[in-house]
């Protein structure tokens, strides 16, 4: 068991070193423009003004609104070249969360954290969410957005099996087991992507929660 979740949930088709997989910079976006805009709108609605923000599992684009003013945006990801090319990052650190869930930041460093369409790659999400709790300030916010796009060989088994609704419930479980409170989940798929009988374009779901003001 991984905390209260079976270890089999977090097995992958490709169990080789993640650092080898992400060594080559790709510089691609993984969702379409409508879904990117939906993620940006959600971040703009939720993030505190002038906050110190962690972009978790960062790459060459952060997808914060162009109008959002942060005190600092710190990227944590796997490829230095991609993050160096990210115009919204103030600074970045290369760090493999699957190898070392504890992040190289002091307790209470960040006002908020975001993670865009990457949560499906975490092999020990509860440990990582617990450390995210640690690096957030009391009342700090964490926002995860996801779609149905991924590198299939690196996504964990449960992600392939779950529906979009079940994926949202899974992320909420990560938050709950790590001690977060006030958990929300919303379907932010653009209305232009929906029709009466089908969806066109990429879906976008947001799940967010807060570190309680009185810490555990």
N, C-alpha and C. Protein backbone atom coordinates (compact mmCIF):
# COMPACT_ATOMS: atom_id res chain seq x y z
N UNK A 1 0.84 -1.20 0.00
CA UNK A 1 0.00 0.00 0.00
C UNK A 1 0.88 1.25 0.00
N UNK A 2 0.46 2.27 -0.75
CA UNK A 2 1.12 3.56 -0.72
C UNK A 2 0.20 4.49 0.06
N UNK A 3 0.52 4.66 1.37
CA UNK A 3 -0.41 5.26 2.29
C UNK A 3 -1.69 4.42 2.24
N UNK A 4 -2.82 4.96 1.80
CA UNK A 4 -4.04 4.16 1.73
C UNK A 4 -4.36 3.70 0.31
N UNK A 5 -3.42 3.85 -0.62
CA UNK A 5 -3.68 3.50 -2.01
C UNK A 5 -2.74 2.36 -2.44
N UNK A 6 -3.23 1.41 -3.21
CA UNK A 6 -2.40 0.27 -3.61
C UNK A 6 -1.20 0.69 -4.46
N UNK A 7 -0.07 0.06 -4.22
CA UNK A 7 1.14 0.38 -4.98
C UNK A 7 0.96 0.12 -6.47
N UNK A 8 0.11 -0.86 -6.82
CA UNK A 8 -0.13 -1.16 -8.24
C UNK A 8 -0.71 0.03 -9.00
N UNK A 9 -1.39 0.92 -8.31
CA UNK A 9 -1.95 2.11 -8.95
C UNK A 9 -0.85 2.94 -9.63
N UNK A 10 0.36 2.87 -9.08
CA UNK A 10 1.40 3.82 -9.48
C UNK A 10 2.53 3.17 -10.27
N UNK A 11 2.25 1.98 -10.81
CA UNK A 11 3.18 1.36 -11.73
C UNK A 11 3.01 1.99 -13.11
N UNK A 12 4.08 1.92 -13.91
CA UNK A 12 4.06 2.54 -15.24
C UNK A 12 4.56 1.56 -16.29
N UNK A 13 4.21 1.80 -17.52
CA UNK A 13 4.71 0.98 -18.62
C UNK A 13 6.23 1.12 -18.72
N UNK A 14 6.71 2.33 -18.57
CA UNK A 14 8.15 2.62 -18.66
C UNK A 14 8.66 2.99 -17.27
N UNK A 15 9.37 2.06 -16.65
CA UNK A 15 9.90 2.31 -15.32
C UNK A 15 11.38 2.71 -15.35
N UNK A 16 11.89 3.05 -16.53
CA UNK A 16 13.27 3.52 -16.61
C UNK A 16 13.39 4.91 -15.98
N UNK A 17 14.61 5.33 -15.76
CA UNK A 17 14.90 6.58 -15.07
C UNK A 17 14.20 7.76 -15.75
N UNK A 18 13.40 8.49 -14.99
CA UNK A 18 12.69 9.65 -15.54
C UNK A 18 13.66 10.71 -16.06
N UNK A 19 14.82 10.80 -15.46
CA UNK A 19 15.78 11.82 -15.89
C UNK A 19 16.26 11.57 -17.31
N UNK A 20 16.32 10.32 -17.73
CA UNK A 20 16.66 10.00 -19.12
C UNK A 20 15.52 10.40 -20.05
N UNK A 21 14.29 10.13 -19.64
CA UNK A 21 13.13 10.43 -20.47
C UNK A 21 13.00 11.93 -20.70
N UNK A 22 13.22 12.73 -19.66
CA UNK A 22 13.02 14.17 -19.76
C UNK A 22 14.29 14.94 -20.10
N UNK A 23 15.38 14.23 -20.39
CA UNK A 23 16.64 14.89 -20.70
C UNK A 23 16.56 15.70 -21.98
N UNK A 24 15.78 15.22 -22.94
CA UNK A 24 15.63 15.92 -24.22
C UNK A 24 14.54 16.97 -24.11
N UNK A 25 14.87 18.26 -24.33
CA UNK A 25 13.82 19.29 -24.27
C UNK A 25 12.84 19.12 -25.43
N UNK A 26 11.54 19.17 -25.11
CA UNK A 26 10.52 18.98 -26.13
C UNK A 26 9.88 20.31 -26.55
N UNK A 27 9.67 21.18 -25.60
CA UNK A 27 9.10 22.51 -25.87
C UNK A 27 7.81 22.43 -26.68
N UNK A 28 6.90 21.61 -26.18
CA UNK A 28 5.57 21.50 -26.76
C UNK A 28 4.55 21.73 -25.66
N UNK A 29 3.37 22.19 -26.05
CA UNK A 29 2.26 22.25 -25.10
C UNK A 29 1.43 20.99 -25.29
N UNK A 30 0.82 20.52 -24.22
CA UNK A 30 0.19 19.21 -24.26
C UNK A 30 -1.34 19.27 -24.35
N UNK A 31 -1.89 20.48 -24.32
CA UNK A 31 -3.34 20.66 -24.47
C UNK A 31 -3.57 21.77 -25.48
N UNK A 32 -4.78 21.83 -26.02
CA UNK A 32 -5.06 22.81 -27.06
C UNK A 32 -5.27 24.21 -26.48
N UNK A 33 -5.40 25.18 -27.37
CA UNK A 33 -5.47 26.58 -26.93
C UNK A 33 -6.65 26.85 -26.02
N UNK A 34 -7.79 26.21 -26.30
CA UNK A 34 -8.96 26.43 -25.45
C UNK A 34 -8.74 25.93 -24.04
N UNK A 35 -8.13 24.76 -23.89
CA UNK A 35 -7.85 24.22 -22.56
C UNK A 35 -6.78 25.04 -21.84
N UNK A 36 -5.78 25.51 -22.59
CA UNK A 36 -4.76 26.38 -21.99
C UNK A 36 -5.41 27.65 -21.44
N UNK A 37 -6.29 28.25 -22.24
CA UNK A 37 -6.97 29.47 -21.79
C UNK A 37 -7.82 29.20 -20.56
N UNK A 38 -8.46 28.03 -20.50
CA UNK A 38 -9.28 27.68 -19.33
C UNK A 38 -8.42 27.53 -18.09
N UNK A 39 -7.25 26.91 -18.22
CA UNK A 39 -6.34 26.79 -17.09
C UNK A 39 -5.87 28.16 -16.63
N UNK A 40 -5.52 29.02 -17.57
CA UNK A 40 -5.07 30.37 -17.22
C UNK A 40 -6.15 31.15 -16.49
N UNK A 41 -7.39 31.03 -16.94
CA UNK A 41 -8.48 31.74 -16.27
C UNK A 41 -8.65 31.24 -14.83
N UNK A 42 -8.58 29.94 -14.65
CA UNK A 42 -8.72 29.40 -13.30
C UNK A 42 -7.60 29.91 -12.40
N UNK A 43 -6.37 29.88 -12.88
CA UNK A 43 -5.26 30.39 -12.07
C UNK A 43 -5.46 31.87 -11.74
N UNK A 44 -5.92 32.63 -12.72
CA UNK A 44 -6.15 34.05 -12.48
C UNK A 44 -7.22 34.32 -11.44
N UNK A 45 -8.23 33.46 -11.40
CA UNK A 45 -9.31 33.61 -10.41
C UNK A 45 -8.85 33.26 -9.00
N UNK A 46 -7.94 32.30 -8.88
CA UNK A 46 -7.63 31.73 -7.57
C UNK A 46 -6.35 32.26 -6.93
N UNK A 47 -5.35 32.56 -7.71
CA UNK A 47 -4.05 32.89 -7.13
C UNK A 47 -4.06 34.25 -6.45
N UNK A 48 -3.38 34.37 -5.31
CA UNK A 48 -3.34 35.65 -4.62
C UNK A 48 -2.48 36.65 -5.38
N UNK A 49 -2.86 37.93 -5.38
CA UNK A 49 -2.03 38.94 -6.06
C UNK A 49 -0.69 39.08 -5.35
N UNK A 50 0.34 39.32 -6.15
CA UNK A 50 1.69 39.55 -5.62
C UNK A 50 2.19 38.37 -4.79
N UNK A 51 1.77 37.17 -5.13
CA UNK A 51 2.18 35.99 -4.38
C UNK A 51 3.51 35.43 -4.83
N UNK A 52 4.11 34.64 -3.95
CA UNK A 52 5.27 33.82 -4.29
C UNK A 52 4.72 32.46 -4.72
N UNK A 53 4.91 32.13 -5.99
CA UNK A 53 4.21 31.00 -6.61
C UNK A 53 5.20 29.91 -7.00
N UNK A 54 4.84 28.67 -6.71
CA UNK A 54 5.60 27.50 -7.16
C UNK A 54 4.90 26.90 -8.37
N UNK A 55 5.63 26.79 -9.47
CA UNK A 55 5.14 26.08 -10.65
C UNK A 55 5.71 24.66 -10.59
N UNK A 56 4.90 23.75 -10.11
CA UNK A 56 5.34 22.38 -9.85
C UNK A 56 5.33 21.57 -11.15
N UNK A 57 6.40 20.80 -11.37
CA UNK A 57 6.57 20.02 -12.60
C UNK A 57 6.55 20.96 -13.80
N UNK A 58 7.33 21.99 -13.68
CA UNK A 58 7.37 23.08 -14.64
C UNK A 58 8.08 22.67 -15.93
N UNK A 59 7.84 23.44 -16.98
CA UNK A 59 8.50 23.21 -18.27
C UNK A 59 8.68 24.57 -18.95
N UNK A 60 8.49 24.62 -20.26
CA UNK A 60 8.84 25.85 -20.97
C UNK A 60 7.71 26.87 -20.99
N UNK A 61 6.51 26.49 -20.53
CA UNK A 61 5.41 27.44 -20.39
C UNK A 61 4.67 27.17 -19.08
N UNK A 62 4.25 28.25 -18.41
CA UNK A 62 3.60 28.14 -17.11
C UNK A 62 2.09 28.33 -17.21
N UNK A 63 1.60 29.04 -18.20
CA UNK A 63 0.17 29.22 -18.46
C UNK A 63 -0.53 30.08 -17.41
N UNK A 64 0.22 30.91 -16.70
CA UNK A 64 -0.43 31.93 -15.88
C UNK A 64 -0.93 33.04 -16.80
N UNK A 65 -1.99 33.75 -16.40
CA UNK A 65 -2.46 34.86 -17.23
C UNK A 65 -1.37 35.90 -17.44
N UNK A 66 -1.33 36.49 -18.61
CA UNK A 66 -0.31 37.51 -18.90
C UNK A 66 -0.43 38.69 -17.96
N UNK A 67 -1.63 38.93 -17.44
CA UNK A 67 -1.86 40.08 -16.56
C UNK A 67 -1.55 39.78 -15.10
N UNK A 68 -1.27 38.52 -14.77
CA UNK A 68 -1.03 38.18 -13.36
C UNK A 68 0.33 38.70 -12.91
N UNK A 69 0.33 39.42 -11.80
CA UNK A 69 1.55 39.97 -11.23
C UNK A 69 1.93 39.18 -9.98
N UNK A 70 3.05 38.50 -10.04
CA UNK A 70 3.54 37.73 -8.89
C UNK A 70 4.77 38.39 -8.31
N UNK A 71 4.98 38.19 -7.02
CA UNK A 71 6.24 38.63 -6.43
C UNK A 71 7.40 37.80 -6.97
N UNK A 72 7.14 36.50 -7.16
CA UNK A 72 8.16 35.59 -7.68
C UNK A 72 7.45 34.33 -8.16
N UNK A 73 7.93 33.76 -9.25
CA UNK A 73 7.44 32.47 -9.74
C UNK A 73 8.63 31.53 -9.86
N UNK A 74 8.60 30.46 -9.10
CA UNK A 74 9.71 29.50 -9.06
C UNK A 74 9.27 28.22 -9.75
N UNK A 75 10.02 27.79 -10.74
CA UNK A 75 9.73 26.54 -11.41
C UNK A 75 10.51 25.38 -10.81
N UNK A 76 9.85 24.25 -10.67
CA UNK A 76 10.52 23.01 -10.28
C UNK A 76 10.17 21.98 -11.33
N UNK A 77 11.17 21.51 -12.06
CA UNK A 77 10.91 20.59 -13.15
C UNK A 77 12.11 19.73 -13.46
N UNK A 78 12.06 19.06 -14.60
CA UNK A 78 13.06 18.05 -14.93
C UNK A 78 14.04 18.49 -16.02
N UNK A 79 13.77 19.59 -16.71
CA UNK A 79 14.62 19.97 -17.83
C UNK A 79 15.00 21.44 -17.73
N UNK A 80 16.29 21.70 -17.52
CA UNK A 80 16.76 23.07 -17.32
C UNK A 80 16.56 23.92 -18.57
N UNK A 81 16.80 23.36 -19.74
CA UNK A 81 16.68 24.14 -20.97
C UNK A 81 15.25 24.61 -21.19
N UNK A 82 14.28 23.74 -20.92
CA UNK A 82 12.88 24.14 -21.06
C UNK A 82 12.54 25.27 -20.10
N UNK A 83 12.92 25.12 -18.83
CA UNK A 83 12.56 26.15 -17.84
C UNK A 83 13.32 27.45 -18.09
N UNK A 84 14.52 27.36 -18.63
CA UNK A 84 15.28 28.57 -18.96
C UNK A 84 14.56 29.37 -20.04
N UNK A 85 13.80 28.70 -20.87
CA UNK A 85 13.08 29.34 -21.96
C UNK A 85 11.68 29.79 -21.56
N UNK A 86 11.33 29.62 -20.28
CA UNK A 86 10.00 29.98 -19.78
C UNK A 86 10.01 31.44 -19.35
N UNK A 87 9.29 32.32 -20.06
CA UNK A 87 9.38 33.76 -19.76
C UNK A 87 8.73 34.17 -18.44
N UNK A 88 7.91 33.30 -17.85
CA UNK A 88 7.22 33.69 -16.61
C UNK A 88 7.97 33.29 -15.35
N UNK A 89 8.98 32.45 -15.47
CA UNK A 89 9.71 32.02 -14.27
C UNK A 89 10.73 33.07 -13.83
N UNK A 90 10.75 33.34 -12.54
CA UNK A 90 11.78 34.19 -11.96
C UNK A 90 13.06 33.40 -11.73
N UNK A 91 12.91 32.14 -11.37
CA UNK A 91 14.03 31.23 -11.14
C UNK A 91 13.50 29.80 -11.24
N UNK A 92 14.42 28.85 -11.29
CA UNK A 92 13.97 27.45 -11.38
C UNK A 92 14.99 26.53 -10.74
N UNK A 93 14.52 25.32 -10.44
CA UNK A 93 15.38 24.27 -9.91
C UNK A 93 15.04 22.97 -10.61
N UNK A 94 16.06 22.22 -10.99
CA UNK A 94 15.87 20.89 -11.58
C UNK A 94 15.78 19.88 -10.44
N UNK A 95 14.68 19.14 -10.41
CA UNK A 95 14.43 18.24 -9.28
C UNK A 95 13.50 17.12 -9.71
N UNK A 96 13.85 15.89 -9.37
CA UNK A 96 13.07 14.70 -9.71
C UNK A 96 12.21 14.31 -8.52
N UNK A 97 10.94 14.66 -8.56
CA UNK A 97 10.03 14.37 -7.44
C UNK A 97 9.82 12.88 -7.24
N UNK A 98 9.85 12.11 -8.30
CA UNK A 98 9.65 10.67 -8.14
C UNK A 98 10.83 10.00 -7.44
N UNK A 99 11.99 10.60 -7.55
CA UNK A 99 13.17 10.08 -6.86
C UNK A 99 13.29 10.66 -5.46
N UNK A 100 12.99 11.96 -5.32
CA UNK A 100 13.13 12.66 -4.05
C UNK A 100 11.89 13.52 -3.81
N UNK A 101 10.88 12.99 -3.11
CA UNK A 101 9.65 13.76 -2.90
C UNK A 101 9.86 15.06 -2.12
N UNK A 102 10.86 15.12 -1.27
CA UNK A 102 11.10 16.35 -0.51
C UNK A 102 11.74 17.39 -1.41
N UNK A 103 11.12 18.55 -1.49
CA UNK A 103 11.59 19.62 -2.36
C UNK A 103 12.65 20.47 -1.66
N UNK A 104 13.53 21.10 -2.43
CA UNK A 104 14.63 21.88 -1.85
C UNK A 104 14.21 23.29 -1.45
N UNK A 105 13.15 23.40 -0.67
CA UNK A 105 12.64 24.69 -0.22
C UNK A 105 12.38 24.64 1.27
N UNK A 106 12.49 25.79 1.91
CA UNK A 106 12.20 25.89 3.35
C UNK A 106 10.70 25.76 3.59
N UNK A 107 10.34 25.44 4.82
CA UNK A 107 8.94 25.40 5.22
C UNK A 107 8.29 26.76 4.96
N UNK A 108 7.05 26.74 4.48
CA UNK A 108 6.28 27.97 4.35
C UNK A 108 6.84 28.97 3.36
N UNK A 109 7.47 28.49 2.29
CA UNK A 109 8.08 29.39 1.31
C UNK A 109 7.06 30.05 0.39
N UNK A 110 6.00 29.34 0.03
CA UNK A 110 5.14 29.78 -1.07
C UNK A 110 3.73 30.14 -0.61
N UNK A 111 3.17 31.15 -1.29
CA UNK A 111 1.76 31.50 -1.08
C UNK A 111 0.83 30.56 -1.83
N UNK A 112 1.30 30.03 -2.94
CA UNK A 112 0.46 29.15 -3.76
C UNK A 112 1.34 28.31 -4.66
N UNK A 113 0.77 27.21 -5.13
CA UNK A 113 1.45 26.33 -6.09
C UNK A 113 0.46 25.93 -7.18
N UNK A 114 0.97 25.79 -8.39
CA UNK A 114 0.17 25.28 -9.49
C UNK A 114 0.89 24.09 -10.12
N UNK A 115 0.12 23.23 -10.76
CA UNK A 115 0.68 22.11 -11.53
C UNK A 115 -0.24 21.88 -12.71
N UNK A 116 0.30 22.00 -13.91
CA UNK A 116 -0.51 21.96 -15.12
C UNK A 116 -0.26 20.66 -15.89
N UNK A 117 -1.28 19.87 -16.03
CA UNK A 117 -1.31 18.61 -16.80
C UNK A 117 -0.08 17.73 -16.61
N UNK A 118 0.33 17.56 -15.35
CA UNK A 118 1.49 16.71 -15.07
C UNK A 118 1.29 15.77 -13.89
N UNK A 119 0.20 15.89 -13.18
CA UNK A 119 0.02 15.10 -11.96
C UNK A 119 0.01 13.60 -12.25
N UNK A 120 -0.31 13.22 -13.47
CA UNK A 120 -0.41 11.80 -13.83
C UNK A 120 0.93 11.07 -13.81
N UNK A 121 2.02 11.81 -13.67
CA UNK A 121 3.35 11.19 -13.69
C UNK A 121 3.91 10.92 -12.29
N UNK A 122 3.22 11.33 -11.25
CA UNK A 122 3.73 11.16 -9.89
C UNK A 122 3.54 9.72 -9.42
N UNK A 123 4.64 9.09 -8.99
CA UNK A 123 4.58 7.70 -8.54
C UNK A 123 4.42 7.57 -7.03
N UNK A 124 4.61 8.65 -6.30
CA UNK A 124 4.37 8.65 -4.84
C UNK A 124 3.66 9.95 -4.49
N UNK A 125 2.45 10.13 -5.01
CA UNK A 125 1.79 11.44 -4.89
C UNK A 125 1.50 11.87 -3.46
N UNK A 126 1.19 10.94 -2.57
CA UNK A 126 0.86 11.34 -1.21
C UNK A 126 2.08 11.97 -0.53
N UNK A 127 3.24 11.36 -0.68
CA UNK A 127 4.46 11.94 -0.10
C UNK A 127 4.74 13.32 -0.69
N UNK A 128 4.52 13.47 -1.98
CA UNK A 128 4.77 14.75 -2.63
C UNK A 128 3.76 15.79 -2.18
N UNK A 129 2.50 15.42 -2.06
CA UNK A 129 1.48 16.35 -1.57
C UNK A 129 1.77 16.75 -0.12
N UNK A 130 2.26 15.83 0.68
CA UNK A 130 2.61 16.18 2.06
C UNK A 130 3.76 17.18 2.09
N UNK A 131 4.70 17.03 1.16
CA UNK A 131 5.79 18.01 1.13
C UNK A 131 5.32 19.33 0.55
N UNK A 132 4.38 19.28 -0.38
CA UNK A 132 3.77 20.51 -0.88
C UNK A 132 3.09 21.26 0.26
N UNK A 133 2.40 20.53 1.11
CA UNK A 133 1.80 21.12 2.32
C UNK A 133 2.87 21.83 3.13
N UNK A 134 4.02 21.20 3.29
CA UNK A 134 5.11 21.77 4.09
C UNK A 134 5.62 23.09 3.52
N UNK A 135 5.79 23.17 2.20
CA UNK A 135 6.41 24.37 1.61
C UNK A 135 5.42 25.50 1.40
N UNK A 136 4.12 25.22 1.57
CA UNK A 136 3.12 26.29 1.50
C UNK A 136 2.98 26.98 2.85
N UNK A 137 2.66 28.25 2.81
CA UNK A 137 2.35 28.98 4.04
C UNK A 137 0.96 28.61 4.52
N UNK A 138 0.66 28.80 5.81
CA UNK A 138 -0.72 28.59 6.27
C UNK A 138 -1.70 29.40 5.41
N UNK A 139 -2.80 28.80 5.06
CA UNK A 139 -3.78 29.33 4.11
C UNK A 139 -3.28 29.27 2.66
N UNK A 140 -2.12 28.66 2.44
CA UNK A 140 -1.59 28.55 1.08
C UNK A 140 -2.46 27.66 0.21
N UNK A 141 -2.46 27.96 -1.08
CA UNK A 141 -3.32 27.32 -2.07
C UNK A 141 -2.51 26.43 -3.00
N UNK A 142 -3.05 25.28 -3.36
CA UNK A 142 -2.46 24.44 -4.41
C UNK A 142 -3.53 24.13 -5.45
N UNK A 143 -3.20 24.34 -6.72
CA UNK A 143 -4.14 24.15 -7.82
C UNK A 143 -3.54 23.18 -8.84
N UNK A 144 -4.23 22.09 -9.09
CA UNK A 144 -3.80 21.13 -10.11
C UNK A 144 -4.83 21.12 -11.23
N UNK A 145 -4.36 21.26 -12.46
CA UNK A 145 -5.23 21.12 -13.62
C UNK A 145 -4.76 19.91 -14.43
N UNK A 146 -5.72 19.24 -15.06
CA UNK A 146 -5.35 18.08 -15.87
C UNK A 146 -6.35 17.91 -17.01
N UNK A 147 -5.94 17.13 -17.99
CA UNK A 147 -6.77 16.83 -19.14
C UNK A 147 -6.71 15.32 -19.38
N UNK A 148 -6.95 14.92 -20.61
CA UNK A 148 -6.83 13.50 -20.94
C UNK A 148 -5.61 13.23 -21.80
N UNK A 149 -4.67 14.17 -21.81
CA UNK A 149 -3.44 14.04 -22.57
C UNK A 149 -2.30 13.65 -21.65
N UNK A 150 -1.36 12.85 -22.17
CA UNK A 150 -0.21 12.47 -21.35
C UNK A 150 0.82 11.76 -22.23
N UNK A 151 2.02 11.59 -21.66
CA UNK A 151 2.97 10.62 -22.20
C UNK A 151 2.54 9.26 -21.66
N UNK A 152 1.93 8.41 -22.45
CA UNK A 152 1.28 7.22 -21.90
C UNK A 152 2.22 6.27 -21.18
N UNK A 153 3.45 6.16 -21.62
CA UNK A 153 4.35 5.19 -20.97
C UNK A 153 4.83 5.66 -19.61
N UNK A 154 4.69 6.96 -19.32
CA UNK A 154 5.15 7.49 -18.03
C UNK A 154 4.00 7.80 -17.08
N UNK A 155 2.77 7.78 -17.56
CA UNK A 155 1.62 8.00 -16.67
C UNK A 155 1.37 6.74 -15.83
N UNK A 156 0.93 6.95 -14.60
CA UNK A 156 0.71 5.81 -13.71
C UNK A 156 -0.54 5.03 -14.11
N UNK A 157 -0.59 3.76 -13.70
CA UNK A 157 -1.63 2.84 -14.16
C UNK A 157 -3.04 3.34 -13.86
N UNK A 158 -3.26 3.86 -12.66
CA UNK A 158 -4.60 4.28 -12.27
C UNK A 158 -5.11 5.41 -13.17
N UNK A 159 -4.19 6.24 -13.66
CA UNK A 159 -4.59 7.35 -14.52
C UNK A 159 -5.18 6.85 -15.83
N UNK A 160 -4.62 5.77 -16.36
CA UNK A 160 -5.14 5.20 -17.60
C UNK A 160 -6.53 4.60 -17.41
N UNK A 161 -6.78 4.09 -16.22
CA UNK A 161 -8.03 3.37 -15.96
C UNK A 161 -9.18 4.31 -15.57
N UNK A 162 -8.87 5.46 -15.01
CA UNK A 162 -9.89 6.33 -14.42
C UNK A 162 -10.57 7.21 -15.46
N UNK A 163 -11.87 7.46 -15.25
CA UNK A 163 -12.59 8.46 -16.02
C UNK A 163 -12.15 9.85 -15.56
N UNK A 164 -12.59 10.89 -16.26
CA UNK A 164 -12.23 12.24 -15.84
C UNK A 164 -12.76 12.54 -14.44
N UNK A 165 -13.99 12.12 -14.16
CA UNK A 165 -14.55 12.32 -12.82
C UNK A 165 -13.74 11.56 -11.78
N UNK A 166 -13.35 10.35 -12.09
CA UNK A 166 -12.55 9.56 -11.15
C UNK A 166 -11.17 10.15 -10.95
N UNK A 167 -10.60 10.74 -12.00
CA UNK A 167 -9.32 11.42 -11.86
C UNK A 167 -9.43 12.57 -10.86
N UNK A 168 -10.52 13.35 -10.95
CA UNK A 168 -10.73 14.45 -10.01
C UNK A 168 -10.86 13.93 -8.58
N UNK A 169 -11.57 12.83 -8.42
CA UNK A 169 -11.71 12.23 -7.09
C UNK A 169 -10.37 11.73 -6.57
N UNK A 170 -9.53 11.21 -7.46
CA UNK A 170 -8.21 10.73 -7.06
C UNK A 170 -7.34 11.88 -6.57
N UNK A 171 -7.34 12.99 -7.31
CA UNK A 171 -6.55 14.16 -6.88
C UNK A 171 -7.07 14.69 -5.55
N UNK A 172 -8.38 14.71 -5.38
CA UNK A 172 -8.95 15.12 -4.10
C UNK A 172 -8.49 14.20 -2.97
N UNK A 173 -8.36 12.91 -3.26
CA UNK A 173 -7.85 11.96 -2.26
C UNK A 173 -6.41 12.28 -1.89
N UNK A 174 -5.59 12.62 -2.87
CA UNK A 174 -4.21 13.02 -2.56
C UNK A 174 -4.21 14.20 -1.59
N UNK A 175 -5.02 15.21 -1.90
CA UNK A 175 -5.10 16.38 -1.02
C UNK A 175 -5.54 15.98 0.38
N UNK A 176 -6.58 15.18 0.45
CA UNK A 176 -7.16 14.81 1.75
C UNK A 176 -6.14 14.04 2.60
N UNK A 177 -5.46 13.10 1.99
CA UNK A 177 -4.50 12.29 2.75
C UNK A 177 -3.28 13.10 3.18
N UNK A 178 -3.00 14.19 2.50
CA UNK A 178 -1.87 15.03 2.86
C UNK A 178 -2.22 16.11 3.88
N UNK A 179 -3.50 16.21 4.26
CA UNK A 179 -3.89 17.16 5.29
C UNK A 179 -4.48 18.46 4.80
N UNK A 180 -4.68 18.59 3.49
CA UNK A 180 -5.28 19.81 2.95
C UNK A 180 -6.78 19.87 3.29
N UNK A 181 -7.32 21.07 3.19
CA UNK A 181 -8.74 21.29 3.50
C UNK A 181 -9.38 22.14 2.40
N UNK A 182 -10.72 22.27 2.48
CA UNK A 182 -11.48 23.11 1.56
C UNK A 182 -11.18 22.71 0.11
N UNK A 183 -11.40 21.45 -0.18
CA UNK A 183 -11.05 20.87 -1.49
C UNK A 183 -12.17 21.13 -2.49
N UNK A 184 -11.80 21.59 -3.68
CA UNK A 184 -12.76 21.89 -4.74
C UNK A 184 -12.35 21.18 -6.02
N UNK A 185 -13.33 20.82 -6.83
CA UNK A 185 -13.07 20.27 -8.16
C UNK A 185 -14.10 20.84 -9.12
N UNK A 186 -13.63 21.29 -10.28
CA UNK A 186 -14.54 21.87 -11.28
C UNK A 186 -14.13 21.44 -12.67
N UNK A 187 -15.12 21.19 -13.49
CA UNK A 187 -14.91 20.97 -14.92
C UNK A 187 -14.81 22.33 -15.59
N UNK A 188 -13.62 22.67 -16.08
CA UNK A 188 -13.40 23.96 -16.73
C UNK A 188 -13.24 23.80 -18.24
N UNK A 189 -13.73 22.71 -18.78
CA UNK A 189 -13.67 22.52 -20.22
C UNK A 189 -14.39 23.68 -20.92
N UNK A 190 -13.76 24.33 -21.89
CA UNK A 190 -14.41 25.46 -22.56
C UNK A 190 -15.74 25.06 -23.19
N UNK A 191 -16.71 25.96 -23.14
CA UNK A 191 -18.02 25.67 -23.73
C UNK A 191 -17.91 25.40 -25.23
N UNK A 192 -16.91 25.98 -25.87
CA UNK A 192 -16.71 25.75 -27.31
C UNK A 192 -16.30 24.31 -27.60
N UNK A 193 -15.84 23.59 -26.56
CA UNK A 193 -15.41 22.20 -26.73
C UNK A 193 -16.55 21.21 -26.51
N UNK A 194 -17.73 21.72 -26.17
CA UNK A 194 -18.84 20.83 -25.86
C UNK A 194 -19.90 20.92 -26.95
N UNK A 195 -20.57 19.82 -27.20
CA UNK A 195 -21.76 19.82 -28.04
C UNK A 195 -22.77 18.89 -27.40
N UNK A 196 -23.94 18.80 -27.98
CA UNK A 196 -25.00 17.99 -27.37
C UNK A 196 -24.60 16.52 -27.28
N UNK A 197 -23.88 16.02 -28.27
CA UNK A 197 -23.60 14.59 -28.35
C UNK A 197 -22.13 14.23 -28.10
N UNK A 198 -21.25 15.21 -28.11
CA UNK A 198 -19.84 14.88 -27.96
C UNK A 198 -19.06 16.10 -27.52
N UNK A 199 -17.79 15.87 -27.21
CA UNK A 199 -16.87 16.96 -26.92
C UNK A 199 -15.85 17.06 -28.04
N UNK A 200 -15.52 18.26 -28.41
CA UNK A 200 -14.47 18.50 -29.38
C UNK A 200 -13.38 19.30 -28.68
N UNK A 201 -12.15 18.88 -28.83
CA UNK A 201 -11.07 19.55 -28.15
C UNK A 201 -10.78 18.91 -26.80
N UNK A 202 -9.80 19.46 -26.11
CA UNK A 202 -9.30 18.87 -24.88
C UNK A 202 -10.13 19.31 -23.67
N UNK A 203 -10.50 18.37 -22.80
CA UNK A 203 -11.15 18.75 -21.55
C UNK A 203 -10.15 19.37 -20.59
N UNK A 204 -10.65 20.06 -19.59
CA UNK A 204 -9.78 20.67 -18.57
C UNK A 204 -10.50 20.62 -17.23
N UNK A 205 -9.91 19.95 -16.27
CA UNK A 205 -10.44 19.84 -14.92
C UNK A 205 -9.48 20.53 -13.96
N UNK A 206 -10.01 21.26 -13.00
CA UNK A 206 -9.20 21.85 -11.94
C UNK A 206 -9.59 21.29 -10.59
N UNK A 207 -8.60 20.95 -9.79
CA UNK A 207 -8.82 20.52 -8.40
C UNK A 207 -7.88 21.35 -7.54
N UNK A 208 -8.43 21.98 -6.50
CA UNK A 208 -7.60 22.82 -5.64
C UNK A 208 -8.00 22.69 -4.18
N UNK A 209 -7.07 23.07 -3.32
CA UNK A 209 -7.29 22.96 -1.88
C UNK A 209 -6.32 23.89 -1.17
N UNK A 210 -6.50 24.00 0.15
CA UNK A 210 -5.73 24.94 0.95
C UNK A 210 -5.05 24.24 2.13
N UNK A 211 -3.88 24.71 2.45
CA UNK A 211 -3.27 24.32 3.71
C UNK A 211 -4.00 25.07 4.81
N UNK A 212 -4.52 24.38 5.82
CA UNK A 212 -5.26 25.08 6.88
C UNK A 212 -4.41 26.13 7.59
N UNK A 213 -5.07 27.18 8.07
CA UNK A 213 -4.36 28.25 8.77
C UNK A 213 -3.69 27.73 10.03
N UNK A 214 -4.34 26.82 10.75
CA UNK A 214 -3.72 26.18 11.90
C UNK A 214 -3.10 24.88 11.43
N UNK A 215 -1.77 24.83 11.38
CA UNK A 215 -1.07 23.69 10.81
C UNK A 215 -1.23 22.46 11.66
N UNK A 216 -1.08 21.30 11.00
CA UNK A 216 -1.12 20.03 11.72
C UNK A 216 0.12 19.88 12.60
